[in-house]
Amino acid sequence: MFRVDAPVRDASQDVLDEYLQGFQDPDRLRPVYDLMGLPDVLPAFQALRIDPLGWYWAELFRPGEAGASERLVFDREGRARGIVELPRELEVHEIGEDYITGLWTDELDVEYVRRHALDRRWD
């Protein structure tokens, strides 16, 4: 079990606007989101993965997925081991003992499989 103490981030219309810009036709989706309403606060994380060593990779929430993807990494005992920043264009598919693989999309929407070395010497 791990816990992260951080300030609460209030949801706002600006956050929704930023999120909807990630879709092809944001104006078509806006009425749906307007019906649901915004939550009072934003989530801290948007994804959680556990790697083969039992380490937790908690991806910080980013509205609209703008900017780099940051993951807080915790070992099996819940101790914070570091922060890993990955390019926003990389959709992570697997975290191994010494690598991260994913799908990379370039500015022309061409997809590539990428494998990045992972150095766990965080002590």
PDB file of N, CA and C in Angstrom:
ATOM      1  N   MET A   1       0.850  -1.174   0.000  1.00  0.00           N
ATOM      2  CA  MET A   1       0.000   0.000   0.000  1.00  0.00           C
ATOM      3  C   MET A   1       0.893   1.233   0.000  1.00  0.00           C
ATOM      4  N   PHE A   2       0.493   2.236  -0.768  1.00  0.00           N
ATOM      5  CA  PHE A   2       1.236   3.484  -0.769  1.00  0.00           C
ATOM      6  C   PHE A   2       0.258   4.648  -0.702  1.00  0.00           C
ATOM      7  N   ARG A   3       0.764   5.778  -0.237  1.00  0.00           N
ATOM      8  CA  ARG A   3      -0.063   6.972  -0.119  1.00  0.00           C
ATOM      9  C   ARG A   3       0.763   8.168  -0.563  1.00  0.00           C
ATOM     10  N   VAL A   4       0.130   9.074  -1.274  1.00  0.00           N
ATOM     11  CA  VAL A   4       0.786  10.298  -1.721  1.00  0.00           C
ATOM     12  C   VAL A   4      -0.017  11.475  -1.189  1.00  0.00           C
ATOM     13  N   ASP A   5       0.637  12.286  -0.372  1.00  0.00           N
ATOM     14  CA  ASP A   5      -0.014  13.501   0.120  1.00  0.00           C
ATOM     15  C   ASP A   5       0.274  14.623  -0.859  1.00  0.00           C
ATOM     16  N   ALA A   6      -0.776  15.182  -1.409  1.00  0.00           N
ATOM     17  CA  ALA A   6      -0.631  16.265  -2.381  1.00  0.00           C
ATOM     18  C   ALA A   6      -1.844  17.183  -2.260  1.00  0.00           C
ATOM     19  N   PRO A   7      -1.692  18.419  -2.672  1.00  0.00           N
ATOM     20  CA  PRO A   7      -2.847  19.322  -2.611  1.00  0.00           C
ATOM     21  C   PRO A   7      -3.963  18.858  -3.537  1.00  0.00           C
ATOM     22  N   VAL A   8      -5.179  19.089  -3.123  1.00  0.00           N
ATOM     23  CA  VAL A   8      -6.357  18.752  -3.933  1.00  0.00           C
ATOM     24  C   VAL A   8      -6.440  19.752  -5.080  1.00  0.00           C
ATOM     25  N   ARG A   9      -6.660  19.217  -6.286  1.00  0.00           N
ATOM     26  CA  ARG A   9      -6.808  20.090  -7.456  1.00  0.00           C
ATOM     27  C   ARG A   9      -8.282  20.158  -7.828  1.00  0.00           C
ATOM     28  N   ASP A  10      -8.815  21.366  -7.789  1.00  0.00           N
ATOM     29  CA  ASP A  10     -10.226  21.569  -8.123  1.00  0.00           C
ATOM     30  C   ASP A  10     -10.438  21.404  -9.624  1.00  0.00           C
ATOM     31  N   ALA A  11     -11.562  20.799  -9.976  1.00  0.00           N
ATOM     32  CA  ALA A  11     -11.935  20.685 -11.391  1.00  0.00           C
ATOM     33  C   ALA A  11     -12.502  22.028 -11.844  1.00  0.00           C
ATOM     34  N   SER A  12     -12.293  22.351 -13.097  1.00  0.00           N
ATOM     35  CA  SER A  12     -12.819  23.608 -13.634  1.00  0.00           C
ATOM     36  C   SER A  12     -13.224  23.394 -15.083  1.00  0.00           C
ATOM     37  N   GLN A  13     -13.938  24.370 -15.616  1.00  0.00           N
ATOM     38  CA  GLN A  13     -14.341  24.308 -17.021  1.00  0.00           C
ATOM     39  C   GLN A  13     -13.113  24.296 -17.923  1.00  0.00           C
ATOM     40  N   ASP A  14     -12.040  24.990 -17.522  1.00  0.00           N
ATOM     41  CA  ASP A  14     -10.802  24.998 -18.309  1.00  0.00           C
ATOM     42  C   ASP A  14     -10.215  23.600 -18.443  1.00  0.00           C
ATOM     43  N   VAL A  15     -10.288  22.812 -17.374  1.00  0.00           N
ATOM     44  CA  VAL A  15      -9.775  21.444 -17.406  1.00  0.00           C
ATOM     45  C   VAL A  15     -10.580  20.609 -18.392  1.00  0.00           C
ATOM     46  N   LEU A  16     -11.903  20.766 -18.373  1.00  0.00           N
ATOM     47  CA  LEU A  16     -12.751  20.039 -19.321  1.00  0.00           C
ATOM     48  C   LEU A  16     -12.433  20.458 -20.750  1.00  0.00           C
ATOM     49  N   ASP A  17     -12.273  21.757 -20.983  1.00  0.00           N
ATOM     50  CA  ASP A  17     -11.938  22.236 -22.325  1.00  0.00           C
ATOM     51  C   ASP A  17     -10.629  21.616 -22.814  1.00  0.00           C
ATOM     52  N   GLU A  18      -9.631  21.578 -21.942  1.00  0.00           N
ATOM     53  CA  GLU A  18      -8.333  21.006 -22.307  1.00  0.00           C
ATOM     54  C   GLU A  18      -8.464  19.515 -22.618  1.00  0.00           C
ATOM     55  N   TYR A  19      -9.250  18.806 -21.824  1.00  0.00           N
ATOM     56  CA  TYR A  19      -9.469  17.378 -22.037  1.00  0.00           C
ATOM     57  C   TYR A  19     -10.162  17.119 -23.379  1.00  0.00           C
ATOM     58  N   LEU A  20     -11.200  17.874 -23.672  1.00  0.00           N
ATOM     59  CA  LEU A  20     -11.966  17.653 -24.904  1.00  0.00           C
ATOM     60  C   LEU A  20     -11.160  17.964 -26.157  1.00  0.00           C
ATOM     61  N   GLN A  21     -10.167  18.826 -26.070  1.00  0.00           N
ATOM     62  CA  GLN A  21      -9.350  19.160 -27.237  1.00  0.00           C
ATOM     63  C   GLN A  21      -8.556  17.954 -27.744  1.00  0.00           C
ATOM     64  N   GLY A  22      -8.436  16.909 -26.947  1.00  0.00           N
ATOM     65  CA  GLY A  22      -7.731  15.703 -27.373  1.00  0.00           C
ATOM     66  C   GLY A  22      -8.548  14.828 -28.316  1.00  0.00           C
ATOM     67  N   PHE A  23      -9.813  15.155 -28.535  1.00  0.00           N
ATOM     68  CA  PHE A  23     -10.681  14.369 -29.403  1.00  0.00           C
ATOM     69  C   PHE A  23     -10.836  15.049 -30.760  1.00  0.00           C
ATOM     70  N   GLN A  24     -11.181  14.256 -31.775  1.00  0.00           N
ATOM     71  CA  GLN A  24     -11.333  14.795 -33.125  1.00  0.00           C
ATOM     72  C   GLN A  24     -12.455  15.819 -33.218  1.00  0.00           C
ATOM     73  N   ASP A  25     -13.573  15.566 -32.554  1.00  0.00           N
ATOM     74  CA  ASP A  25     -14.721  16.465 -32.633  1.00  0.00           C
ATOM     75  C   ASP A  25     -15.185  16.830 -31.219  1.00  0.00           C
ATOM     76  N   PRO A  26     -14.457  17.731 -30.545  1.00  0.00           N
ATOM     77  CA  PRO A  26     -14.795  18.050 -29.161  1.00  0.00           C
ATOM     78  C   PRO A  26     -16.180  18.667 -28.992  1.00  0.00           C
ATOM     79  N   ASP A  27     -16.661  19.399 -29.993  1.00  0.00           N
ATOM     80  CA  ASP A  27     -17.982  20.034 -29.866  1.00  0.00           C
ATOM     81  C   ASP A  27     -19.109  19.012 -29.824  1.00  0.00           C
ATOM     82  N   ARG A  28     -18.897  17.874 -30.453  1.00  0.00           N
ATOM     83  CA  ARG A  28     -19.913  16.812 -30.430  1.00  0.00           C
ATOM     84  C   ARG A  28     -19.983  16.162 -29.042  1.00  0.00           C
ATOM     85  N   LEU A  29     -18.846  16.084 -28.333  1.00  0.00           N
ATOM     86  CA  LEU A  29     -18.819  15.453 -27.011  1.00  0.00           C
ATOM     87  C   LEU A  29     -19.217  16.385 -25.874  1.00  0.00           C
ATOM     88  N   ARG A  30     -19.083  17.685 -26.090  1.00  0.00           N
ATOM     89  CA  ARG A  30     -19.337  18.641 -25.004  1.00  0.00           C
ATOM     90  C   ARG A  30     -20.710  18.466 -24.366  1.00  0.00           C
ATOM     91  N   PRO A  31     -21.804  18.309 -25.117  1.00  0.00           N
ATOM     92  CA  PRO A  31     -23.115  18.151 -24.463  1.00  0.00           C
ATOM     93  C   PRO A  31     -23.177  16.951 -23.513  1.00  0.00           C
ATOM     94  N   VAL A  32     -22.497  15.884 -23.859  1.00  0.00           N
ATOM     95  CA  VAL A  32     -22.489  14.696 -22.992  1.00  0.00           C
ATOM     96  C   VAL A  32     -21.824  15.029 -21.659  1.00  0.00           C
ATOM     97  N   TYR A  33     -20.669  15.673 -21.723  1.00  0.00           N
ATOM     98  CA  TYR A  33     -19.954  16.033 -20.504  1.00  0.00           C
ATOM     99  C   TYR A  33     -20.684  17.110 -19.719  1.00  0.00           C
ATOM    100  N   ASP A  34     -21.363  18.008 -20.417  1.00  0.00           N
ATOM    101  CA  ASP A  34     -22.139  19.035 -19.724  1.00  0.00           C
ATOM    102  C   ASP A  34     -23.293  18.411 -18.942  1.00  0.00           C
ATOM    103  N   LEU A  35     -23.907  17.346 -19.484  1.00  0.00           N
ATOM    104  CA  LEU A  35     -24.988  16.645 -18.777  1.00  0.00           C
ATOM    105  C   LEU A  35     -24.483  15.987 -17.500  1.00  0.00           C
ATOM    106  N   MET A  36     -23.286  15.404 -17.570  1.00  0.00           N
ATOM    107  CA  MET A  36     -22.736  14.698 -16.404  1.00  0.00           C
ATOM    108  C   MET A  36     -22.277  15.666 -15.329  1.00  0.00           C
ATOM    109  N   GLY A  37     -21.770  16.811 -15.726  1.00  0.00           N
ATOM    110  CA  GLY A  37     -21.218  17.743 -14.762  1.00  0.00           C
ATOM    111  C   GLY A  37     -19.795  17.353 -14.388  1.00  0.00           C
ATOM    112  N   LEU A  38     -19.080  18.313 -13.839  1.00  0.00           N
ATOM    113  CA  LEU A  38     -17.690  18.078 -13.440  1.00  0.00           C
ATOM    114  C   LEU A  38     -17.624  17.560 -12.009  1.00  0.00           C
ATOM    115  N   PRO A  39     -16.640  16.742 -11.708  1.00  0.00           N
ATOM    116  CA  PRO A  39     -16.448  16.351 -10.304  1.00  0.00           C
ATOM    117  C   PRO A  39     -15.927  17.556  -9.525  1.00  0.00           C
ATOM    118  N   ASP A  40     -15.979  17.475  -8.210  1.00  0.00           N
ATOM    119  CA  ASP A  40     -15.482  18.584  -7.384  1.00  0.00           C
ATOM    120  C   ASP A  40     -13.961  18.698  -7.467  1.00  0.00           C
ATOM    121  N   VAL A  41     -13.286  17.559  -7.532  1.00  0.00           N
ATOM    122  CA  VAL A  41     -11.819  17.556  -7.581  1.00  0.00           C
ATOM    123  C   VAL A  41     -11.343  16.609  -8.676  1.00  0.00           C
ATOM    124  N   LEU A  42     -10.135  16.838  -9.148  1.00  0.00           N
ATOM    125  CA  LEU A  42      -9.536  15.977 -10.164  1.00  0.00           C
ATOM    126  C   LEU A  42      -8.901  14.756  -9.506  1.00  0.00           C
ATOM    127  N   PRO A  43      -8.844  13.644 -10.217  1.00  0.00           N
ATOM    128  CA  PRO A  43      -8.160  12.475  -9.658  1.00  0.00           C
ATOM    129  C   PRO A  43      -6.652  12.723  -9.603  1.00  0.00           C
ATOM    130  N   ALA A  44      -5.982  12.041  -8.707  1.00  0.00           N
ATOM    131  CA  ALA A  44      -4.521  12.167  -8.611  1.00  0.00           C
ATOM    132  C   ALA A  44      -3.849  11.371  -9.721  1.00  0.00           C
ATOM    133  N   PHE A  45      -4.401  10.195 -10.037  1.00  0.00           N
ATOM    134  CA  PHE A  45      -3.782   9.295 -11.005  1.00  0.00           C
ATOM    135  C   PHE A  45      -4.755   8.953 -12.118  1.00  0.00           C
ATOM    136  N   GLN A  46      -4.205   8.604 -13.292  1.00  0.00           N
ATOM    137  CA  GLN A  46      -5.061   8.165 -14.385  1.00  0.00           C
ATOM    138  C   GLN A  46      -4.796   6.722 -14.771  1.00  0.00           C
ATOM    139  N   ALA A  47      -3.722   6.136 -14.270  1.00  0.00           N
ATOM    140  CA  ALA A  47      -3.438   4.729 -14.564  1.00  0.00           C
ATOM    141  C   ALA A  47      -2.487   4.188 -13.503  1.00  0.00           C
ATOM    142  N   LEU A  48      -2.586   2.894 -13.272  1.00  0.00           N
ATOM    143  CA  LEU A  48      -1.692   2.215 -12.338  1.00  0.00           C
ATOM    144  C   LEU A  48      -1.270   0.901 -12.959  1.00  0.00           C
ATOM    145  N   ARG A  49       0.036   0.655 -12.974  1.00  0.00           N
ATOM    146  CA  ARG A  49       0.574  -0.610 -13.477  1.00  0.00           C
ATOM    147  C   ARG A  49       1.461  -1.224 -12.408  1.00  0.00           C
ATOM    148  N   ILE A  50       1.531  -2.538 -12.410  1.00  0.00           N
ATOM    149  CA  ILE A  50       2.442  -3.247 -11.525  1.00  0.00           C
ATOM    150  C   ILE A  50       3.375  -4.048 -12.424  1.00  0.00           C
ATOM    151  N   ASP A  51       4.669  -3.842 -12.259  1.00  0.00           N
ATOM    152  CA  ASP A  51       5.640  -4.505 -13.126  1.00  0.00           C
ATOM    153  C   ASP A  51       6.000  -5.892 -12.583  1.00  0.00           C
ATOM    154  N   PRO A  52       6.827  -6.666 -13.307  1.00  0.00           N
ATOM    155  CA  PRO A  52       7.164  -8.031 -12.886  1.00  0.00           C
ATOM    156  C   PRO A  52       7.854  -8.122 -11.516  1.00  0.00           C
ATOM    157  N   LEU A  53       8.458  -7.038 -11.044  1.00  0.00           N
ATOM    158  CA  LEU A  53       9.101  -7.033  -9.731  1.00  0.00           C
ATOM    159  C   LEU A  53       8.137  -6.639  -8.616  1.00  0.00           C
ATOM    160  N   GLY A  54       6.900  -6.347  -8.984  1.00  0.00           N
ATOM    161  CA  GLY A  54       5.906  -5.949  -8.001  1.00  0.00           C
ATOM    162  C   GLY A  54       5.947  -4.471  -7.663  1.00  0.00           C
ATOM    163  N   TRP A  55       6.633  -3.685  -8.471  1.00  0.00           N
ATOM    164  CA  TRP A  55       6.685  -2.237  -8.258  1.00  0.00           C
ATOM    165  C   TRP A  55       5.452  -1.591  -8.874  1.00  0.00           C
ATOM    166  N   TYR A  56       4.968  -0.529  -8.223  1.00  0.00           N
ATOM    167  CA  TYR A  56       3.786   0.205  -8.668  1.00  0.00           C
ATOM    168  C   TYR A  56       4.223   1.423  -9.482  1.00  0.00           C
ATOM    169  N   TRP A  57       3.586   1.597 -10.623  1.00  0.00           N
ATOM    170  CA  TRP A  57       3.833   2.748 -11.494  1.00  0.00           C
ATOM    171  C   TRP A  57       2.529   3.523 -11.591  1.00  0.00           C
ATOM    172  N   ALA A  58       2.434   4.617 -10.851  1.00  0.00           N
ATOM    173  CA  ALA A  58       1.210   5.417 -10.796  1.00  0.00           C
ATOM    174  C   ALA A  58       1.360   6.626 -11.712  1.00  0.00           C
ATOM    175  N   GLU A  59       0.591   6.635 -12.801  1.00  0.00           N
ATOM    176  CA  GLU A  59       0.664   7.740 -13.764  1.00  0.00           C
ATOM    177  C   GLU A  59      -0.184   8.905 -13.270  1.00  0.00           C
ATOM    178  N   LEU A  60       0.447  10.075 -13.142  1.00  0.00           N
ATOM    179  CA  LEU A  60      -0.267  11.259 -12.688  1.00  0.00           C
ATOM    180  C   LEU A  60      -1.313  11.680 -13.714  1.00  0.00           C
ATOM    181  N   PHE A  61      -2.454  12.130 -13.232  1.00  0.00           N
ATOM    182  CA  PHE A  61      -3.537  12.572 -14.104  1.00  0.00           C
ATOM    183  C   PHE A  61      -3.116  13.820 -14.867  1.00  0.00           C
ATOM    184  N   ARG A  62      -3.375  13.813 -16.186  1.00  0.00           N
ATOM    185  CA  ARG A  62      -3.122  14.987 -17.021  1.00  0.00           C
ATOM    186  C   ARG A  62      -4.337  15.206 -17.905  1.00  0.00           C
ATOM    187  N   PRO A  63      -5.055  16.275 -17.683  1.00  0.00           N
ATOM    188  CA  PRO A  63      -6.206  16.550 -18.535  1.00  0.00           C
ATOM    189  C   PRO A  63      -5.762  16.738 -19.977  1.00  0.00           C
ATOM    190  N   GLY A  64      -6.434  16.093 -20.883  1.00  0.00           N
ATOM    191  CA  GLY A  64      -6.110  16.239 -22.296  1.00  0.00           C
ATOM    192  C   GLY A  64      -4.801  15.588 -22.687  1.00  0.00           C
ATOM    193  N   GLU A  65      -4.149  14.953 -21.728  1.00  0.00           N
ATOM    194  CA  GLU A  65      -2.879  14.271 -21.958  1.00  0.00           C
ATOM    195  C   GLU A  65      -1.851  15.172 -22.626  1.00  0.00           C
ATOM    196  N   ALA A  66      -1.875  16.441 -22.248  1.00  0.00           N
ATOM    197  CA  ALA A  66      -0.866  17.371 -22.757  1.00  0.00           C
ATOM    198  C   ALA A  66       0.398  17.229 -21.910  1.00  0.00           C
ATOM    199  N   GLY A  67       1.512  17.465 -22.517  1.00  0.00           N
ATOM    200  CA  GLY A  67       2.776  17.405 -21.792  1.00  0.00           C
ATOM    201  C   GLY A  67       3.254  15.992 -21.553  1.00  0.00           C
ATOM    202  N   ALA A  68       4.392  15.911 -20.903  1.00  0.00           N
ATOM    203  CA  ALA A  68       5.009  14.610 -20.634  1.00  0.00           C
ATOM    204  C   ALA A  68       4.165  13.798 -19.653  1.00  0.00           C
ATOM    205  N   SER A  69       4.325  12.500 -19.743  1.00  0.00           N
ATOM    206  CA  SER A  69       3.647  11.580 -18.841  1.00  0.00           C
ATOM    207  C   SER A  69       4.583  11.318 -17.660  1.00  0.00           C
ATOM    208  N   GLU A  70       4.106  11.583 -16.452  1.00  0.00           N
ATOM    209  CA  GLU A  70       4.921  11.344 -15.264  1.00  0.00           C
ATOM    210  C   GLU A  70       4.339  10.191 -14.463  1.00  0.00           C
ATOM    211  N   ARG A  71       5.230   9.317 -14.024  1.00  0.00           N
ATOM    212  CA  ARG A  71       4.826   8.182 -13.205  1.00  0.00           C
ATOM    213  C   ARG A  71       5.607   8.181 -11.903  1.00  0.00           C
ATOM    214  N   LEU A  72       4.874   8.090 -10.804  1.00  0.00           N
ATOM    215  CA  LEU A  72       5.513   7.908  -9.506  1.00  0.00           C
ATOM    216  C   LEU A  72       5.748   6.416  -9.347  1.00  0.00           C
ATOM    217  N   VAL A  73       6.951   6.037  -8.966  1.00  0.00           N
ATOM    218  CA  VAL A  73       7.308   4.623  -8.883  1.00  0.00           C
ATOM    219  C   VAL A  73       7.544   4.258  -7.419  1.00  0.00           C
ATOM    220  N   PHE A  74       6.886   3.168  -6.981  1.00  0.00           N
ATOM    221  CA  PHE A  74       6.991   2.671  -5.615  1.00  0.00           C
ATOM    222  C   PHE A  74       7.415   1.211  -5.648  1.00  0.00           C
ATOM    223  N   ASP A  75       8.279   0.809  -4.709  1.00  0.00           N
ATOM    224  CA  ASP A  75       8.690  -0.594  -4.664  1.00  0.00           C
ATOM    225  C   ASP A  75       7.608  -1.425  -3.971  1.00  0.00           C
ATOM    226  N   ARG A  76       7.879  -2.716  -3.803  1.00  0.00           N
ATOM    227  CA  ARG A  76       6.887  -3.643  -3.233  1.00  0.00           C
ATOM    228  C   ARG A  76       6.454  -3.253  -1.830  1.00  0.00           C
ATOM    229  N   GLU A  77       7.336  -2.589  -1.092  1.00  0.00           N
ATOM    230  CA  GLU A  77       7.021  -2.190   0.275  1.00  0.00           C
ATOM    231  C   GLU A  77       6.327  -0.832   0.336  1.00  0.00           C
ATOM    232  N   GLY A  78       6.100  -0.206  -0.823  1.00  0.00           N
ATOM    233  CA  GLY A  78       5.419   1.075  -0.866  1.00  0.00           C
ATOM    234  C   GLY A  78       6.336   2.273  -0.708  1.00  0.00           C
ATOM    235  N   ARG A  79       7.660   2.047  -0.734  1.00  0.00           N
ATOM    236  CA  ARG A  79       8.607   3.167  -0.649  1.00  0.00           C
ATOM    237  C   ARG A  79       8.718   3.844  -2.006  1.00  0.00           C
ATOM    238  N   ALA A  80       8.680   5.164  -1.988  1.00  0.00           N
ATOM    239  CA  ALA A  80       8.842   5.920  -3.236  1.00  0.00           C
ATOM    240  C   ALA A  80      10.254   5.716  -3.759  1.00  0.00           C
ATOM    241  N   ARG A  81      10.367   5.357  -5.040  1.00  0.00           N
ATOM    242  CA  ARG A  81      11.668   5.114  -5.653  1.00  0.00           C
ATOM    243  C   ARG A  81      12.066   6.196  -6.640  1.00  0.00           C
ATOM    244  N   GLY A  82      11.115   6.965  -7.124  1.00  0.00           N
ATOM    245  CA  GLY A  82      11.447   8.043  -8.046  1.00  0.00           C
ATOM    246  C   GLY A  82      10.284   8.404  -8.938  1.00  0.00           C
ATOM    247  N   ILE A  83      10.557   9.328  -9.836  1.00  0.00           N
ATOM    248  CA  ILE A  83       9.584   9.768 -10.833  1.00  0.00           C
ATOM    249  C   ILE A  83      10.187   9.490 -12.205  1.00  0.00           C
ATOM    250  N   VAL A  84       9.414   8.853 -13.070  1.00  0.00           N
ATOM    251  CA  VAL A  84       9.852   8.590 -14.441  1.00  0.00           C
ATOM    252  C   VAL A  84       8.993   9.445 -15.357  1.00  0.00           C
ATOM    253  N   GLU A  85       9.658  10.233 -16.197  1.00  0.00           N
ATOM    254  CA  GLU A  85       8.965  11.090 -17.154  1.00  0.00           C
ATOM    255  C   GLU A  85       9.128  10.495 -18.540  1.00  0.00           C
ATOM    256  N   LEU A  86       8.005  10.287 -19.218  1.00  0.00           N
ATOM    257  CA  LEU A  86       8.002   9.723 -20.565  1.00  0.00           C
ATOM    258  C   LEU A  86       7.340  10.709 -21.522  1.00  0.00           C
ATOM    259  N   PRO A  87       7.733  10.696 -22.789  1.00  0.00           N
ATOM    260  CA  PRO A  87       7.106  11.607 -23.758  1.00  0.00           C
ATOM    261  C   PRO A  87       5.611  11.320 -23.881  1.00  0.00           C
ATOM    262  N   ARG A  88       4.824  12.365 -24.105  1.00  0.00           N
ATOM    263  CA  ARG A  88       3.368  12.182 -24.217  1.00  0.00           C
ATOM    264  C   ARG A  88       2.998  11.336 -25.429  1.00  0.00           C
ATOM    265  N   GLU A  89       3.885  11.281 -26.437  1.00  0.00           N
ATOM    266  CA  GLU A  89       3.593  10.510 -27.654  1.00  0.00           C
ATOM    267  C   GLU A  89       3.735   9.002 -27.448  1.00  0.00           C
ATOM    268  N   LEU A  90       4.260   8.587 -26.312  1.00  0.00           N
ATOM    269  CA  LEU A  90       4.478   7.163 -26.051  1.00  0.00           C
ATOM    270  C   LEU A  90       3.328   6.590 -25.231  1.00  0.00           C
ATOM    271  N   GLU A  91       2.610   5.650 -25.820  1.00  0.00           N
ATOM    272  CA  GLU A  91       1.554   4.930 -25.107  1.00  0.00           C
ATOM    273  C   GLU A  91       2.189   3.657 -24.550  1.00  0.00           C
ATOM    274  N   VAL A  92       2.378   3.605 -23.249  1.00  0.00           N
ATOM    275  CA  VAL A  92       3.091   2.494 -22.610  1.00  0.00           C
ATOM    276  C   VAL A  92       2.241   1.223 -22.669  1.00  0.00           C
ATOM    277  N   HIS A  93       2.870   0.140 -23.136  1.00  0.00           N
ATOM    278  CA  HIS A  93       2.179  -1.156 -23.182  1.00  0.00           C
ATOM    279  C   HIS A  93       2.755  -2.158 -22.200  1.00  0.00           C
ATOM    280  N   GLU A  94       4.047  -2.024 -21.886  1.00  0.00           N
ATOM    281  CA  GLU A  94       4.655  -2.982 -20.964  1.00  0.00           C
ATOM    282  C   GLU A  94       5.825  -2.332 -20.239  1.00  0.00           C
ATOM    283  N   ILE A  95       5.908  -2.644 -18.953  1.00  0.00           N
ATOM    284  CA  ILE A  95       7.059  -2.234 -18.150  1.00  0.00           C
ATOM    285  C   ILE A  95       7.717  -3.517 -17.661  1.00  0.00           C
ATOM    286  N   GLY A  96       8.946  -3.745 -18.119  1.00  0.00           N
ATOM    287  CA  GLY A  96       9.677  -4.941 -17.723  1.00  0.00           C
ATOM    288  C   GLY A  96      10.707  -4.613 -16.653  1.00  0.00           C
ATOM    289  N   GLU A  97      11.564  -5.577 -16.354  1.00  0.00           N
ATOM    290  CA  GLU A  97      12.595  -5.359 -15.342  1.00  0.00           C
ATOM    291  C   GLU A  97      13.605  -4.311 -15.776  1.00  0.00           C
ATOM    292  N   ASP A  98      13.919  -4.278 -17.088  1.00  0.00           N
ATOM    293  CA  ASP A  98      14.943  -3.339 -17.553  1.00  0.00           C
ATOM    294  C   ASP A  98      14.542  -2.618 -18.847  1.00  0.00           C
ATOM    295  N   TYR A  99      13.250  -2.525 -19.098  1.00  0.00           N
ATOM    296  CA  TYR A  99      12.786  -1.842 -20.315  1.00  0.00           C
ATOM    297  C   TYR A  99      11.347  -1.358 -20.157  1.00  0.00           C
ATOM    298  N   ILE A 100      10.982  -0.427 -21.023  1.00  0.00           N
ATOM    299  CA  ILE A 100       9.597   0.030 -21.186  1.00  0.00           C
ATOM    300  C   ILE A 100       9.308  -0.019 -22.676  1.00  0.00           C
ATOM    301  N   THR A 101       8.233  -0.678 -23.066  1.00  0.00           N
ATOM    302  CA  THR A 101       7.853  -0.703 -24.479  1.00  0.00           C
ATOM    303  C   THR A 101       6.509   0.003 -24.641  1.00  0.00           C
ATOM    304  N   GLY A 102       6.331   0.543 -25.838  1.00  0.00           N
ATOM    305  CA  GLY A 102       5.082   1.221 -26.101  1.00  0.00           C
ATOM    306  C   GLY A 102       4.939   1.594 -27.557  1.00  0.00           C
ATOM    307  N   LEU A 103       3.825   2.204 -27.843  1.00  0.00           N
ATOM    308  CA  LEU A 103       3.504   2.654 -29.194  1.00  0.00           C
ATOM    309  C   LEU A 103       3.763   4.151 -29.260  1.00  0.00           C
ATOM    310  N   TRP A 104       4.632   4.545 -30.190  1.00  0.00           N
ATOM    311  CA  TRP A 104       4.998   5.948 -30.394  1.00  0.00           C
ATOM    312  C   TRP A 104       4.273   6.453 -31.631  1.00  0.00           C
ATOM    313  N   THR A 105       3.623   7.603 -31.513  1.00  0.00           N
ATOM    314  CA  THR A 105       2.938   8.204 -32.647  1.00  0.00           C
ATOM    315  C   THR A 105       3.607   9.541 -32.966  1.00  0.00           C
ATOM    316  N   ASP A 106       4.049   9.692 -34.212  1.00  0.00           N
ATOM    317  CA  ASP A 106       4.732  10.933 -34.583  1.00  0.00           C
ATOM    318  C   ASP A 106       3.724  11.997 -35.010  1.00  0.00           C
ATOM    319  N   GLU A 107       4.234  13.147 -35.453  1.00  0.00           N
ATOM    320  CA  GLU A 107       3.374  14.287 -35.805  1.00  0.00           C
ATOM    321  C   GLU A 107       2.490  14.022 -37.021  1.00  0.00           C
ATOM    322  N   LEU A 108       2.804  12.969 -37.816  1.00  0.00           N
ATOM    323  CA  LEU A 108       1.972  12.599 -38.968  1.00  0.00           C
ATOM    324  C   LEU A 108       1.038  11.431 -38.646  1.00  0.00           C
ATOM    325  N   ASP A 109       0.915  11.105 -37.359  1.00  0.00           N
ATOM    326  CA  ASP A 109       0.097   9.983 -36.868  1.00  0.00           C
ATOM    327  C   ASP A 109       0.595   8.630 -37.350  1.00  0.00           C
ATOM    328  N   VAL A 110       1.893   8.527 -37.657  1.00  0.00           N
ATOM    329  CA  VAL A 110       2.506   7.242 -37.990  1.00  0.00           C
ATOM    330  C   VAL A 110       2.924   6.587 -36.678  1.00  0.00           C
ATOM    331  N   GLU A 111       2.587   5.299 -36.526  1.00  0.00           N
ATOM    332  CA  GLU A 111       2.860   4.589 -35.282  1.00  0.00           C
ATOM    333  C   GLU A 111       4.123   3.732 -35.400  1.00  0.00           C
ATOM    334  N   TYR A 112       4.896   3.708 -34.325  1.00  0.00           N
ATOM    335  CA  TYR A 112       6.120   2.908 -34.236  1.00  0.00           C
ATOM    336  C   TYR A 112       6.125   2.194 -32.889  1.00  0.00           C
ATOM    337  N   VAL A 113       6.701   1.013 -32.855  1.00  0.00           N
ATOM    338  CA  VAL A 113       6.917   0.337 -31.583  1.00  0.00           C
ATOM    339  C   VAL A 113       8.272   0.790 -31.068  1.00  0.00           C
ATOM    340  N   ARG A 114       8.301   1.211 -29.801  1.00  0.00           N
ATOM    341  CA  ARG A 114       9.555   1.687 -29.208  1.00  0.00           C
ATOM    342  C   ARG A 114       9.845   0.906 -27.934  1.00  0.00           C
ATOM    343  N   ARG A 115      11.139   0.694 -27.719  1.00  0.00           N
ATOM    344  CA  ARG A 115      11.602   0.048 -26.493  1.00  0.00           C
ATOM    345  C   ARG A 115      12.666   0.947 -25.886  1.00  0.00           C
ATOM    346  N   HIS A 116      12.476   1.303 -24.628  1.00  0.00           N
ATOM    347  CA  HIS A 116      13.402   2.177 -23.917  1.00  0.00           C
ATOM    348  C   HIS A 116      14.048   1.396 -22.780  1.00  0.00           C
ATOM    349  N   ALA A 117      15.351   1.577 -22.607  1.00  0.00           N
ATOM    350  CA  ALA A 117      16.064   0.930 -21.501  1.00  0.00           C
ATOM    351  C   ALA A 117      15.620   1.549 -20.180  1.00  0.00           C
ATOM    352  N   LEU A 118      15.550   0.727 -19.149  1.00  0.00           N
ATOM    353  CA  LEU A 118      15.144   1.159 -17.823  1.00  0.00           C
ATOM    354  C   LEU A 118      16.256   0.799 -16.844  1.00  0.00           C
ATOM    355  N   ASP A 119      16.813   1.801 -16.199  1.00  0.00           N
ATOM    356  CA  ASP A 119      17.872   1.608 -15.216  1.00  0.00           C
ATOM    357  C   ASP A 119      17.257   1.744 -13.832  1.00  0.00           C
ATOM    358  N   ARG A 120      17.235   0.674 -13.064  1.00  0.00           N
ATOM    359  CA  ARG A 120      16.596   0.685 -11.753  1.00  0.00           C
ATOM    360  C   ARG A 120      17.557   1.036 -10.610  1.00  0.00           C
ATOM    361  N   ARG A 121      18.707   1.549 -10.907  1.00  0.00           N
ATOM    362  CA  ARG A 121      19.638   1.910  -9.838  1.00  0.00           C
ATOM    363  C   ARG A 121      19.199   3.226  -9.212  1.00  0.00           C
ATOM    364  N   TRP A 122      18.120   3.173  -8.427  1.00  0.00           N
ATOM    365  CA  TRP A 122      17.553   4.365  -7.816  1.00  0.00           C
ATOM    366  C   TRP A 122      17.918   4.478  -6.355  1.00  0.00           C
ATOM    367  N   ASP A 123      18.794   3.625  -5.874  1.00  0.00           N
ATOM    368  CA  ASP A 123      19.164   3.667  -4.454  1.00  0.00           C
ATOM    369  C   ASP A 123      20.048   4.844  -4.145  1.00  0.00           C
TER     370      ASP A 123
END
